[in-house]
Amino acid sequence: MDQSWVGDLIRHWRDDERGTYRSWFLWEERIKNFRSIRRGLQEVIAEIKADTFGNTYRGSSLETVLDSIAEQRQVFKGADHAFMWKPKLRIPDIYESRPNQAAFGRFLDSCLCCNTEEQVLDAIRTLDQATIKGLGPAAANLLYFLHPTITPPFNTAIVKGYNALTNAGVKLGRWDQYLAMRKGILTLNSQHRSLLSNDLGAAAAFLFDLGAERYPLPQQEMNGSLDAWKADLEQVRAESAAATKAAALARDADHTHTEIQGWLRDLGMALGYGVWIASNDSSRSHGNGRLGDGCLTQLPGKIADAAAGETIKLIDVLWIDAQGSVAAAFEVEHTTSIYSGIVRMLDLALGIEGAAAHHFFLVAPDDREGEVRRQFSRPAFSRVSELNLRYLPYSELRNHRESIARFGDGLKGVLAIARPITSVPPPATI
């Protein structure tokens, strides 16, 4: 988009009393509406979370928000059409499908709470993966009022104007097409920043007027423009695929971590201990309920009131005996560094009188044993020798937990399948 005439056209557009720059972008009520739309989206999210959103568009909190957006003059005229319930097509499928409705609510909630470009893009990719019929990039019109410097608005005229200006091939209805167009809009905005704005509404409004054929474009050479668009689209698709793969791996790791915590929870209860689940994990879904179901809701006073009490609450699983002392502490390290977990155990052992004599377990996949032992040979872990620390492989826990729960007595069964870890000093250098 290095055509020299583009800047002149933007200047002409800025000076045109009928153009959207003066009639909408500089409209004094425009910014005031951002706050009310944000509040309206908070209400939509709250209703979806509470399952009171309903199964119709008319009269919903979402209709109220989109009515406010549609009142934002030319650029957003018709923004509500994409969300109106179309019974013959059964779209957008956020009214009859509760899972899709919940996914839409999580999407809005993520975008409402986040503040970085990557977080917004992650939320978009997650929504795209849900493949909700009839819910496409029109939702970017909601995001614009949350993140005007990150997400430009989206409608037919904007797409038409972008294609006319750049000779691109953007099609309606697909998030990858929107994200590729977004890259081009960011480039346009960067090249003409002094004439446009950090608020991407200005660039989108310019493209809207081009798409409405308010300004005829000169005959121009477009060599390479279509290739540039295709390159942007391929890059967006590659980034999306990579992000999807990374998210899937993260979900798998998180699921395994939660599953192991569930094993330890059930085993501890079977052995007669009170069980504490890390305060930031207890509300996680597990089985037909929550990970913290049936567990302690608060730690005994001598533990909770310790100087490192807030850190101790983050240990993955604690087994508490009848005297209110820690019988065993477990840190599950599926893929993450073991360092933070060991620091929490040290805080427990050194911060509470007599706790160092109790048992501490590092629970990790079988193939991480070598890595665990190498880590413990580092000088940074020298104080770990003060802990009664053992390595508990996943396979041993998986294969023996039911027998231990049925026939075990205290910690004997767990100690039998765990392996001592000795902090070995590094070899001397010559």
Protein backbone atom coordinates (compact mmCIF):
# COMPACT_ATOMS: atom_id res chain seq x y z
CA MET A 1 0.00 0.00 0.00
CA ASP A 2 2.76 2.40 -0.89
CA GLN A 3 0.76 4.20 -3.60
CA SER A 4 1.50 7.91 -3.24
CA TRP A 5 -2.10 8.85 -3.95
CA VAL A 6 -3.46 7.04 -0.90
CA GLY A 7 -2.32 9.79 1.48
CA ASP A 8 -3.96 12.44 -0.72
CA LEU A 9 -7.18 10.43 -0.74
CA ILE A 10 -7.15 10.11 3.05
CA ARG A 11 -6.67 13.89 3.36
CA HIS A 12 -9.60 14.48 1.02
CA TRP A 13 -11.68 11.99 3.08
CA ARG A 14 -10.77 13.76 6.33
CA ASP A 15 -11.90 17.10 4.93
CA ASP A 16 -15.17 15.80 3.49
CA GLU A 17 -18.09 16.88 5.70
CA ARG A 18 -20.10 13.89 4.43
CA GLY A 19 -17.35 11.36 5.06
CA THR A 20 -17.35 9.07 8.07
CA TYR A 21 -14.25 10.77 9.52
CA ARG A 22 -16.18 13.92 10.34
CA SER A 23 -19.67 12.46 10.66
CA TRP A 24 -18.72 9.46 12.85
CA PHE A 25 -15.09 9.27 13.96
CA LEU A 26 -15.06 12.86 15.30
CA TRP A 27 -18.63 12.56 16.61
CA GLU A 28 -18.50 13.60 20.27
CA GLU A 29 -20.92 10.86 21.35
CA ARG A 30 -18.80 8.09 19.80
CA ILE A 31 -16.37 7.62 22.68
CA LYS A 32 -19.07 8.06 25.31
CA ASN A 33 -20.81 4.98 23.95
CA PHE A 34 -17.74 2.78 24.52
CA ARG A 35 -18.34 2.68 28.27
CA SER A 36 -22.04 1.80 28.01
CA ILE A 37 -21.33 -0.92 25.44
CA ARG A 38 -18.65 -2.37 27.70
CA ARG A 39 -21.10 -2.42 30.62
CA GLY A 40 -23.68 -4.06 28.38
CA LEU A 41 -21.25 -6.83 27.42
CA GLN A 42 -20.55 -7.42 31.11
CA GLU A 43 -24.26 -8.06 31.55
CA VAL A 44 -24.29 -10.47 28.60
CA ILE A 45 -21.39 -12.40 30.14
CA ALA A 46 -23.03 -12.49 33.57
CA GLU A 47 -26.30 -13.84 32.14
CA ILE A 48 -24.52 -16.52 30.11
CA LYS A 49 -22.53 -17.62 33.16
CA ALA A 50 -25.72 -17.81 35.24
CA ASP A 51 -27.57 -19.61 32.40
CA THR A 52 -30.24 -16.90 32.37
CA PHE A 53 -29.39 -15.50 28.94
CA GLY A 54 -32.33 -17.30 27.35
CA ASN A 55 -32.80 -18.75 23.89
CA THR A 56 -33.99 -15.74 21.91
CA TYR A 57 -32.33 -12.61 20.59
CA ARG A 58 -35.30 -10.28 20.99
CA GLY A 59 -35.38 -8.81 24.45
CA SER A 60 -31.96 -10.19 25.40
CA SER A 61 -29.08 -8.25 26.91
CA LEU A 62 -27.18 -8.86 23.66
CA GLU A 63 -29.90 -7.07 21.67
CA THR A 64 -29.50 -4.06 23.96
CA VAL A 65 -25.74 -3.97 23.28
CA LEU A 66 -26.14 -4.36 19.52
CA ASP A 67 -28.84 -1.70 19.40
CA SER A 68 -26.28 0.67 20.96
CA ILE A 69 -23.65 -0.38 18.43
CA ALA A 70 -26.02 -0.07 15.48
CA GLU A 71 -26.73 3.50 16.60
CA GLN A 72 -23.07 4.32 15.99
CA ARG A 73 -24.04 5.80 12.64
CA GLN A 74 -22.91 4.62 9.20
CA VAL A 75 -20.06 2.23 9.92
CA PHE A 76 -22.14 0.05 12.26
CA LYS A 77 -25.49 0.27 10.55
CA GLY A 78 -26.78 -3.29 10.40
CA ALA A 79 -24.23 -4.62 12.91
CA ASP A 80 -27.06 -6.38 14.71
CA HIS A 81 -28.16 -8.42 11.68
CA ALA A 82 -25.53 -11.11 12.17
CA PHE A 83 -26.80 -11.80 15.70
CA MET A 84 -30.51 -11.85 14.95
CA TRP A 85 -31.95 -15.37 15.29
CA LYS A 86 -32.65 -16.91 11.89
CA PRO A 87 -34.95 -19.85 12.68
CA LYS A 88 -34.86 -21.49 9.25
CA LEU A 89 -31.05 -21.58 9.23
CA ARG A 90 -30.85 -21.98 13.02
CA ILE A 91 -28.09 -19.39 13.20
CA PRO A 92 -26.24 -17.96 14.94
CA ASP A 93 -26.22 -21.09 17.06
CA ILE A 94 -25.79 -19.39 20.44
CA TYR A 95 -29.45 -19.46 21.40
CA GLU A 96 -30.39 -23.13 21.15
CA SER A 97 -26.97 -24.65 21.93
CA ARG A 98 -25.93 -24.13 25.53
CA PRO A 99 -22.29 -25.24 24.90
CA ASN A 100 -22.00 -22.76 22.02
CA GLN A 101 -23.57 -20.04 24.13
CA ALA A 102 -21.07 -20.76 26.92
CA ALA A 103 -18.18 -20.65 24.41
CA PHE A 104 -19.41 -17.27 23.19
CA GLY A 105 -19.62 -16.04 26.79
CA ARG A 106 -16.05 -17.21 27.52
CA PHE A 107 -14.88 -15.44 24.36
CA LEU A 108 -16.42 -12.14 25.48
CA ASP A 109 -15.17 -12.61 29.04
CA SER A 110 -11.61 -13.30 27.86
CA CYS A 111 -11.62 -10.23 25.64
CA LEU A 112 -13.16 -8.07 28.36
CA CYS A 113 -10.49 -9.04 30.88
CA CYS A 114 -7.38 -9.15 28.69
CA ASN A 115 -5.29 -6.19 27.57
CA THR A 116 -2.73 -7.47 25.06
CA GLU A 117 -2.90 -8.19 21.36
CA GLU A 118 -1.85 -11.83 21.75
CA GLN A 119 -4.53 -12.46 24.38
CA VAL A 120 -7.21 -11.04 22.08
CA LEU A 121 -5.96 -13.14 19.15
CA ASP A 122 -5.92 -16.25 21.35
CA ALA A 123 -9.54 -15.61 22.29
CA ILE A 124 -10.48 -15.24 18.62
CA ARG A 125 -8.69 -18.48 17.70
CA THR A 126 -10.40 -20.34 20.53
CA LEU A 127 -13.81 -19.11 19.37
CA ASP A 128 -12.98 -20.05 15.77
CA GLN A 129 -12.09 -23.59 16.89
CA ALA A 130 -15.56 -23.93 18.41
CA THR A 131 -16.97 -23.69 14.84
CA ILE A 132 -20.23 -22.12 15.98
CA LYS A 133 -22.53 -22.01 13.00
CA GLY A 134 -23.33 -18.47 11.92
CA LEU A 135 -21.00 -16.77 14.40
CA GLY A 136 -18.11 -15.30 12.45
CA PRO A 137 -16.07 -12.09 12.23
CA ALA A 138 -19.17 -9.95 12.77
CA ALA A 139 -18.30 -10.50 16.44
CA ALA A 140 -15.29 -8.24 15.81
CA ASN A 141 -17.74 -5.35 16.00
CA LEU A 142 -18.16 -6.21 19.68
CA LEU A 143 -14.40 -6.48 20.19
CA TYR A 144 -13.79 -3.10 18.62
CA PHE A 145 -15.53 -1.39 21.55
CA LEU A 146 -13.31 -3.31 23.98
CA HIS A 147 -10.00 -3.00 22.10
CA PRO A 148 -10.20 -0.24 19.46
CA THR A 149 -6.41 -0.21 18.97
CA ILE A 150 -6.26 -3.98 18.37
CA THR A 151 -9.39 -5.08 16.50
CA PRO A 152 -10.92 -3.09 13.63
CA PRO A 153 -14.65 -3.30 12.89
CA PHE A 154 -15.86 -5.69 10.21
CA ASN A 155 -18.67 -5.50 7.66
CA THR A 156 -19.32 -5.94 3.95
CA ALA A 157 -18.45 -2.35 3.00
CA ILE A 158 -15.14 -2.44 4.92
CA VAL A 159 -14.18 -5.68 3.18
CA LYS A 160 -15.19 -4.28 -0.19
CA GLY A 161 -13.16 -1.11 0.41
CA TYR A 162 -10.11 -3.09 1.56
CA ASN A 163 -10.24 -5.32 -1.52
CA ALA A 164 -10.63 -2.31 -3.81
CA LEU A 165 -7.67 -0.51 -2.24
CA THR A 166 -5.31 -3.48 -2.01
CA ASN A 167 -6.51 -5.89 -4.70
CA ALA A 168 -6.85 -8.48 -1.93
CA GLY A 169 -9.33 -11.32 -1.88
CA VAL A 170 -10.96 -11.04 1.53
CA LYS A 171 -14.16 -13.05 1.84
CA LEU A 172 -16.88 -12.61 4.42
CA GLY A 173 -17.60 -15.08 7.18
CA ARG A 174 -14.18 -16.50 8.09
CA TRP A 175 -11.97 -15.47 10.98
CA ASP A 176 -8.71 -16.24 9.13
CA GLN A 177 -9.81 -13.83 6.39
CA TYR A 178 -10.59 -11.16 8.98
CA LEU A 179 -7.23 -11.62 10.75
CA ALA A 180 -5.33 -11.39 7.46
CA MET A 181 -7.24 -8.21 6.58
CA ARG A 182 -6.45 -6.91 10.05
CA LYS A 183 -2.73 -7.27 9.28
CA GLY A 184 -3.20 -5.20 6.15
CA ILE A 185 -5.20 -2.56 8.02
CA LEU A 186 -2.41 -2.31 10.61
CA THR A 187 0.05 -1.74 7.76
CA LEU A 188 -2.18 0.93 6.22
CA ASN A 189 -2.58 2.56 9.61
CA SER A 190 1.16 2.52 10.27
CA GLN A 191 2.01 4.03 6.88
CA HIS A 192 -0.50 6.86 7.34
CA ARG A 193 -0.53 7.16 11.13
CA SER A 194 -0.37 10.98 11.06
CA LEU A 195 -3.57 11.05 8.99
CA LEU A 196 -5.41 8.24 10.76
CA SER A 197 -5.30 7.23 14.43
CA ASN A 198 -4.17 4.59 16.92
CA ASP A 199 -7.90 3.86 17.09
CA LEU A 200 -8.44 1.48 14.16
CA GLY A 201 -11.93 2.85 13.73
CA ALA A 202 -10.46 5.62 11.58
CA ALA A 203 -8.85 3.23 9.09
CA ALA A 204 -11.99 1.07 9.06
CA ALA A 205 -14.17 4.12 8.43
CA PHE A 206 -11.95 5.14 5.50
CA LEU A 207 -12.27 1.64 4.02
CA PHE A 208 -16.03 1.74 4.66
CA ASP A 209 -16.39 4.87 2.53
CA LEU A 210 -14.27 3.32 -0.22
CA GLY A 211 -16.46 0.22 -0.12
CA ALA A 212 -19.56 2.40 -0.34
CA GLU A 213 -18.01 3.84 -3.53
CA ARG A 214 -18.12 7.33 -2.12
CA TYR A 215 -14.68 8.03 -3.60
CA PRO A 216 -13.63 6.64 -6.99
CA LEU A 217 -10.20 5.06 -6.99
CA PRO A 218 -7.70 5.90 -9.73
CA GLN A 219 -6.53 3.31 -12.21
CA GLN A 220 -3.52 1.70 -10.62
CA GLU A 221 -0.95 -1.02 -10.95
CA MET A 222 -1.56 -3.75 -8.43
CA ASN A 223 1.40 -5.98 -9.21
CA GLY A 224 2.25 -8.02 -6.15
CA SER A 225 -0.72 -6.80 -4.08
CA LEU A 226 -2.66 -10.04 -4.38
CA ASP A 227 0.48 -12.00 -3.60
CA ALA A 228 0.99 -9.88 -0.48
CA TRP A 229 -2.58 -10.60 0.61
CA LYS A 230 -2.11 -14.34 0.08
CA ALA A 231 1.12 -14.21 2.10
CA ASP A 232 -0.72 -12.45 4.96
CA LEU A 233 -3.47 -15.06 4.84
CA GLU A 234 -1.00 -17.95 4.89
CA GLN A 235 0.87 -16.38 7.79
CA VAL A 236 -2.36 -15.96 9.77
CA ARG A 237 -3.29 -19.58 9.09
CA ALA A 238 0.17 -20.79 10.12
CA GLU A 239 0.04 -18.72 13.32
CA SER A 240 -3.44 -20.04 14.06
CA ALA A 241 -2.36 -23.66 13.50
CA ALA A 242 0.67 -23.19 15.75
CA ALA A 243 -1.45 -21.54 18.45
CA THR A 244 -4.04 -24.32 18.19
CA LYS A 245 -1.38 -26.99 18.60
CA ALA A 246 0.19 -25.19 21.57
CA ALA A 247 -3.23 -24.74 23.19
CA ALA A 248 -4.04 -28.42 22.70
CA LEU A 249 -0.75 -29.45 24.32
CA ALA A 250 -1.41 -27.05 27.20
CA ARG A 251 -4.92 -28.45 27.68
CA ASP A 252 -3.59 -32.02 27.66
CA ALA A 253 -0.91 -31.12 30.20
CA ASP A 254 -3.43 -29.33 32.39
CA HIS A 255 -5.85 -32.25 32.20
CA THR A 256 -3.12 -34.68 33.24
CA HIS A 257 -2.05 -32.42 36.10
CA THR A 258 -5.65 -32.22 37.34
CA GLU A 259 -6.13 -35.95 36.91
CA ILE A 260 -3.07 -36.72 39.06
CA GLN A 261 -4.30 -34.30 41.73
CA GLY A 262 -7.60 -36.18 41.66
CA TRP A 263 -5.81 -39.50 42.21
CA LEU A 264 -3.96 -38.04 45.19
CA ARG A 265 -7.14 -36.50 46.57
CA ASP A 266 -9.06 -39.77 46.42
CA LEU A 267 -6.15 -41.77 47.84
CA GLY A 268 -5.66 -39.35 50.73
CA MET A 269 -9.34 -39.49 51.63
CA ALA A 270 -9.34 -43.29 51.47
CA LEU A 271 -6.43 -43.37 53.91
CA GLY A 272 -8.31 -41.15 56.34
CA TYR A 273 -6.52 -37.86 55.82
CA GLY A 274 -8.05 -34.45 55.37
CA VAL A 275 -7.06 -33.28 51.88
CA TRP A 276 -6.15 -29.78 50.79
CA ILE A 277 -6.13 -28.92 47.07
CA ALA A 278 -4.12 -25.89 45.93
CA SER A 279 -6.30 -22.82 46.33
CA ASN A 280 -5.95 -21.92 42.65
CA ASP A 281 -6.94 -25.43 41.51
CA SER A 282 -9.82 -26.45 43.78
CA SER A 283 -12.51 -25.05 41.45
CA ARG A 284 -11.21 -26.93 38.38
CA SER A 285 -13.60 -29.36 36.74
CA HIS A 286 -12.84 -32.99 37.54
CA GLY A 287 -15.06 -35.98 36.89
CA ASN A 288 -18.64 -34.95 37.52
CA GLY A 289 -17.73 -32.15 39.88
CA ARG A 290 -14.86 -29.99 41.07
CA LEU A 291 -11.39 -30.98 42.12
CA GLY A 292 -11.94 -29.54 45.58
CA ASP A 293 -15.15 -31.50 46.27
CA GLY A 294 -14.96 -33.12 49.70
CA CYS A 295 -11.67 -31.42 50.54
CA LEU A 296 -10.73 -28.98 53.28
CA THR A 297 -11.97 -25.47 52.68
CA GLN A 298 -9.34 -23.96 54.97
CA LEU A 299 -6.01 -25.09 56.36
CA PRO A 300 -5.41 -25.60 60.09
CA GLY A 301 -4.46 -22.36 61.81
CA LYS A 302 -0.82 -23.19 62.47
CA ILE A 303 -0.34 -23.76 58.73
CA ALA A 304 -2.52 -20.96 57.38
CA ASP A 305 -1.08 -18.43 59.83
CA ALA A 306 2.56 -19.25 59.04
CA ALA A 307 4.65 -16.53 57.42
CA ALA A 308 4.60 -18.49 54.15
CA GLY A 309 0.94 -19.47 54.54
CA GLU A 310 -0.16 -17.98 51.23
CA THR A 311 2.60 -19.88 49.41
CA ILE A 312 1.80 -23.14 51.20
CA LYS A 313 -1.82 -22.86 50.04
CA LEU A 314 -0.53 -23.23 46.48
CA ILE A 315 1.05 -26.67 47.04
CA ASP A 316 -0.81 -29.03 44.72
CA VAL A 317 -2.03 -31.52 47.35
CA LEU A 318 -1.59 -31.71 51.13
CA TRP A 319 -2.65 -34.59 53.36
CA ILE A 320 -3.53 -33.34 56.84
CA ASP A 321 -3.57 -35.72 59.82
CA ALA A 322 -5.93 -35.73 62.80
CA GLN A 323 -3.65 -33.37 64.76
CA GLY A 324 -3.87 -30.73 62.02
CA SER A 325 -0.30 -31.31 60.82
CA VAL A 326 0.91 -31.99 57.28
CA ALA A 327 1.41 -35.74 56.90
CA ALA A 328 2.45 -35.46 53.24
CA ALA A 329 2.86 -32.79 50.61
CA PHE A 330 2.68 -33.45 46.86
CA GLU A 331 3.80 -31.29 43.96
CA VAL A 332 2.71 -32.52 40.51
CA GLU A 333 5.16 -31.50 37.79
CA HIS A 334 3.81 -32.70 34.46
CA THR A 335 5.73 -30.45 32.08
CA THR A 336 6.69 -27.37 34.09
CA SER A 337 9.90 -26.57 35.93
CA ILE A 338 10.22 -28.28 39.30
CA TYR A 339 11.78 -25.23 40.90
CA SER A 340 8.66 -23.39 42.07
CA GLY A 341 7.15 -26.53 43.57
CA ILE A 342 10.29 -27.26 45.57
CA VAL A 343 10.39 -23.66 46.82
CA ARG A 344 6.84 -24.05 48.14
CA MET A 345 7.81 -27.28 49.90
CA LEU A 346 10.83 -25.60 51.47
CA ASP A 347 8.58 -22.79 52.70
CA LEU A 348 6.39 -25.40 54.35
CA ALA A 349 9.28 -27.40 55.82
CA LEU A 350 11.25 -24.43 57.12
CA GLY A 351 8.33 -22.21 58.05
CA ILE A 352 6.42 -24.51 60.39
CA GLU A 353 7.98 -26.14 63.42
CA GLY A 354 8.37 -29.87 62.97
CA ALA A 355 7.19 -29.88 59.34
CA ALA A 356 10.61 -30.85 57.97
CA ALA A 357 10.15 -34.30 59.49
CA HIS A 358 7.10 -34.98 57.35
CA HIS A 359 7.07 -36.49 53.89
CA PHE A 360 7.34 -34.59 50.61
CA PHE A 361 6.71 -36.07 47.18
CA LEU A 362 7.52 -34.80 43.72
CA VAL A 363 5.02 -36.49 41.39
CA ALA A 364 6.11 -36.53 37.75
CA PRO A 365 5.99 -38.62 34.56
CA ASP A 366 8.29 -41.63 34.46
CA ASP A 367 10.38 -40.14 31.67
CA ARG A 368 11.22 -37.07 33.79
CA GLU A 369 13.12 -38.97 36.50
CA GLY A 370 16.50 -38.30 34.89
CA GLU A 371 15.67 -34.60 34.58
CA VAL A 372 14.52 -34.46 38.20
CA ARG A 373 17.71 -36.02 39.48
CA ARG A 374 19.87 -33.75 37.32
CA GLN A 375 18.06 -30.72 38.69
CA PHE A 376 18.67 -31.83 42.26
CA SER A 377 22.39 -32.06 41.63
CA ARG A 378 22.52 -28.28 41.16
CA PRO A 379 23.82 -26.09 44.00
CA ALA A 380 20.54 -24.13 43.94
CA PHE A 381 18.81 -27.19 45.39
CA SER A 382 21.31 -27.88 48.18
CA ARG A 383 18.76 -27.17 50.91
CA VAL A 384 16.45 -29.86 49.52
CA SER A 385 18.61 -32.38 51.39
CA GLU A 386 16.84 -31.06 54.50
CA LEU A 387 13.55 -32.42 53.17
CA ASN A 388 12.37 -35.99 53.38
CA LEU A 389 11.75 -35.80 49.64
CA ARG A 390 10.85 -38.63 47.27
CA TYR A 391 10.13 -38.96 43.57
CA LEU A 392 6.78 -40.61 42.80
CA PRO A 393 6.41 -41.73 39.17
CA TYR A 394 3.00 -41.54 37.51
CA SER A 395 3.05 -45.24 36.64
CA GLU A 396 3.57 -46.35 40.24
CA LEU A 397 0.72 -44.15 41.43
CA ARG A 398 -1.56 -45.30 38.61
CA ASN A 399 -0.84 -49.00 39.11
CA HIS A 400 -0.95 -49.18 42.90
CA ARG A 401 -3.22 -46.41 44.19
CA GLU A 402 -6.34 -48.59 44.35
CA SER A 403 -4.56 -51.35 46.29
CA ILE A 404 -3.04 -48.81 48.67
CA ALA A 405 -6.45 -47.19 49.19
CA ARG A 406 -7.98 -50.59 49.99
CA PHE A 407 -5.28 -52.22 52.07
CA GLY A 408 -2.91 -49.36 52.98
CA ASP A 409 -2.07 -48.09 56.42
CA GLY A 410 -1.01 -44.47 56.67
CA LEU A 411 1.84 -43.57 54.33
CA LYS A 412 3.43 -47.03 54.14
CA GLY A 413 2.03 -47.87 50.71
CA VAL A 414 2.97 -44.53 49.18
CA LEU A 415 6.47 -44.67 50.66
CA ALA A 416 6.87 -48.15 49.21
CA ILE A 417 6.30 -47.01 45.62
CA ALA A 418 8.20 -43.69 45.87
CA ARG A 419 11.93 -43.33 45.30
CA PRO A 420 14.27 -41.30 47.54
CA ILE A 421 15.99 -38.32 45.97
CA THR A 422 19.48 -37.54 47.19
CA SER A 423 20.99 -34.14 46.50
CA VAL A 424 24.35 -35.03 45.00
CA PRO A 425 26.93 -32.23 44.86
CA PRO A 426 28.29 -31.46 41.41
CA PRO A 427 31.69 -32.91 40.49
CA ALA A 428 34.66 -30.77 41.42
CA THR A 429 36.28 -28.80 38.64
CA ILE A 430 40.02 -28.89 38.12
